């Protein structure tokens, strides 16, 4: 019986955390994307949406794969340990995914700015 309770708690917390983090990053990251794309709100919003979808797919896929059916939970203490290790790993993966996304966005932003600067230099030289 504790196994079923354990899995329901794990899935519920994991989905809640994933949705909360995704919404927070999406809401606060849009301004960063708009700046990175030199004010192009449409491109920034589209990129933001794609990042959210990818974030959900990767993280929820990881959460579901992380569930172990071979684990038997016999006590409340085991349930707490399983939850702590499972959710800790989910949070770690969420954090790593966030830093990876930030790295990619900063690279795109930098290359976008370099490209636009080169175009401006060529236009002013002509």
Protein backbone atom coordinates (compact mmCIF):
# COMPACT_ATOMS: atom_id res chain seq x y z
CA UNK A 1 0.00 0.00 0.00
CA UNK A 2 2.82 2.43 0.78
CA UNK A 3 4.27 1.89 -2.70
CA UNK A 4 1.13 3.29 -4.34
CA UNK A 5 1.08 6.26 -1.96
CA UNK A 6 4.79 6.81 -2.61
CA UNK A 7 4.36 6.87 -6.38
CA UNK A 8 1.40 9.25 -6.22
CA UNK A 9 3.31 11.64 -3.94
CA UNK A 10 6.40 11.46 -6.16
CA UNK A 11 4.48 12.12 -9.38
CA UNK A 12 2.40 14.90 -7.81
CA UNK A 13 5.38 16.76 -6.35
CA UNK A 14 7.48 16.28 -9.47
CA UNK A 15 4.79 17.58 -11.80
CA UNK A 16 4.07 20.54 -9.49
CA UNK A 17 7.76 21.45 -9.25
CA UNK A 18 8.25 21.11 -13.02
CA UNK A 19 5.22 23.29 -13.83
CA UNK A 20 6.16 25.91 -11.20
CA UNK A 21 9.78 26.16 -12.37
CA UNK A 22 8.78 26.21 -16.03
CA UNK A 23 6.25 29.02 -15.54
CA UNK A 24 8.70 31.03 -13.46
CA UNK A 25 11.50 30.67 -15.99
CA UNK A 26 9.17 31.39 -18.91
CA UNK A 27 7.68 34.50 -17.34
CA UNK A 28 10.98 35.97 -16.18
CA UNK A 29 13.04 34.75 -19.12
CA UNK A 30 10.97 36.46 -21.81
CA UNK A 31 12.54 39.85 -21.08
CA UNK A 32 16.00 38.32 -21.38
CA UNK A 33 15.07 36.73 -24.72
CA UNK A 34 13.61 39.97 -26.09
CA UNK A 35 16.87 41.74 -25.25
CA UNK A 36 18.90 38.91 -26.75
CA UNK A 37 16.92 39.09 -29.98
CA UNK A 38 17.26 42.88 -30.20
CA UNK A 39 13.63 43.66 -29.39
CA UNK A 40 12.09 41.05 -31.68
CA UNK A 41 9.19 40.10 -29.39
CA UNK A 42 7.69 37.57 -31.80
CA UNK A 43 10.93 35.60 -32.11
CA UNK A 44 11.52 35.82 -28.35
CA UNK A 45 7.99 34.60 -27.52
CA UNK A 46 8.28 31.75 -30.01
CA UNK A 47 11.67 30.70 -28.63
CA UNK A 48 10.33 30.96 -25.09
CA UNK A 49 7.41 28.68 -25.93
CA UNK A 50 9.70 26.11 -27.57
CA UNK A 51 11.94 26.14 -24.50
CA UNK A 52 8.92 25.53 -22.23
CA UNK A 53 7.74 22.56 -24.33
CA UNK A 54 11.23 21.07 -24.39
CA UNK A 55 11.57 21.66 -20.66
CA UNK A 56 8.34 19.77 -19.97
CA UNK A 57 9.27 16.87 -22.24
CA UNK A 58 12.74 16.38 -20.81
CA UNK A 59 11.84 16.84 -17.16
CA UNK A 60 8.59 14.90 -17.08
CA UNK A 61 10.19 12.13 -19.11
CA UNK A 62 13.01 11.98 -16.59
CA UNK A 63 10.55 11.94 -13.67
CA UNK A 64 8.65 9.01 -15.15
CA UNK A 65 11.79 7.07 -16.02
CA UNK A 66 13.12 7.67 -12.50
CA UNK A 67 10.25 5.75 -10.91
CA UNK A 68 11.44 2.35 -9.78
CA UNK A 69 8.86 -0.39 -9.57
CA UNK A 70 11.32 -2.79 -7.94
CA UNK A 71 11.51 -0.70 -4.77
CA UNK A 72 9.32 -1.84 -1.88
CA UNK A 73 8.37 0.77 0.68
CA UNK A 74 7.63 -0.84 4.04
CA UNK A 75 7.87 2.13 6.40
CA UNK A 76 7.28 5.84 6.58
CA UNK A 77 11.04 6.35 6.92
CA UNK A 78 11.69 4.54 3.62
CA UNK A 79 9.00 6.65 1.98
CA UNK A 80 10.71 9.86 3.12
CA UNK A 81 14.13 8.67 1.94
CA UNK A 82 12.75 7.62 -1.45
CA UNK A 83 10.94 10.95 -1.85
CA UNK A 84 13.97 13.01 -0.82
CA UNK A 85 16.33 11.22 -3.19
CA UNK A 86 13.84 11.21 -6.06
CA UNK A 87 12.82 14.84 -5.74
CA UNK A 88 16.41 15.91 -5.10
CA UNK A 89 17.45 14.32 -8.36
CA UNK A 90 14.53 15.95 -10.18
CA UNK A 91 15.55 19.36 -8.79
CA UNK A 92 19.14 18.76 -9.84
CA UNK A 93 18.08 17.90 -13.39
CA UNK A 94 15.78 20.95 -13.49
CA UNK A 95 18.67 23.16 -12.41
CA UNK A 96 21.04 21.68 -14.97
CA UNK A 97 18.44 22.05 -17.72
CA UNK A 98 17.98 25.69 -16.73
CA UNK A 99 21.70 26.45 -16.87
CA UNK A 100 22.00 24.64 -20.21
CA UNK A 101 19.11 26.71 -21.61
CA UNK A 102 20.70 29.92 -20.33
CA UNK A 103 24.01 28.97 -21.94
CA UNK A 104 22.35 28.27 -25.30
CA UNK A 105 20.32 31.49 -25.17
CA UNK A 106 23.39 33.56 -24.33
CA UNK A 107 25.27 31.96 -27.25
CA UNK A 108 22.38 32.66 -29.62
CA UNK A 109 22.14 36.20 -28.32
CA UNK A 110 25.87 36.79 -28.70
CA UNK A 111 25.99 35.37 -32.23
CA UNK A 112 22.88 37.35 -33.14
CA UNK A 113 24.48 40.56 -31.87
CA UNK A 114 27.76 39.81 -33.68
CA UNK A 115 25.88 39.13 -36.93
CA UNK A 116 23.87 42.36 -36.65
CA UNK A 117 27.04 44.35 -35.82
CA UNK A 118 28.78 42.96 -38.93
CA UNK A 119 25.80 43.98 -41.08
CA UNK A 120 25.87 47.50 -39.61
CA UNK A 121 29.63 47.78 -40.25
CA UNK A 122 29.22 46.65 -43.88
CA UNK A 123 26.36 49.09 -44.46
CA UNK A 124 28.29 52.02 -43.00
CA UNK A 125 31.42 51.12 -45.01
CA UNK A 126 29.46 51.09 -48.27
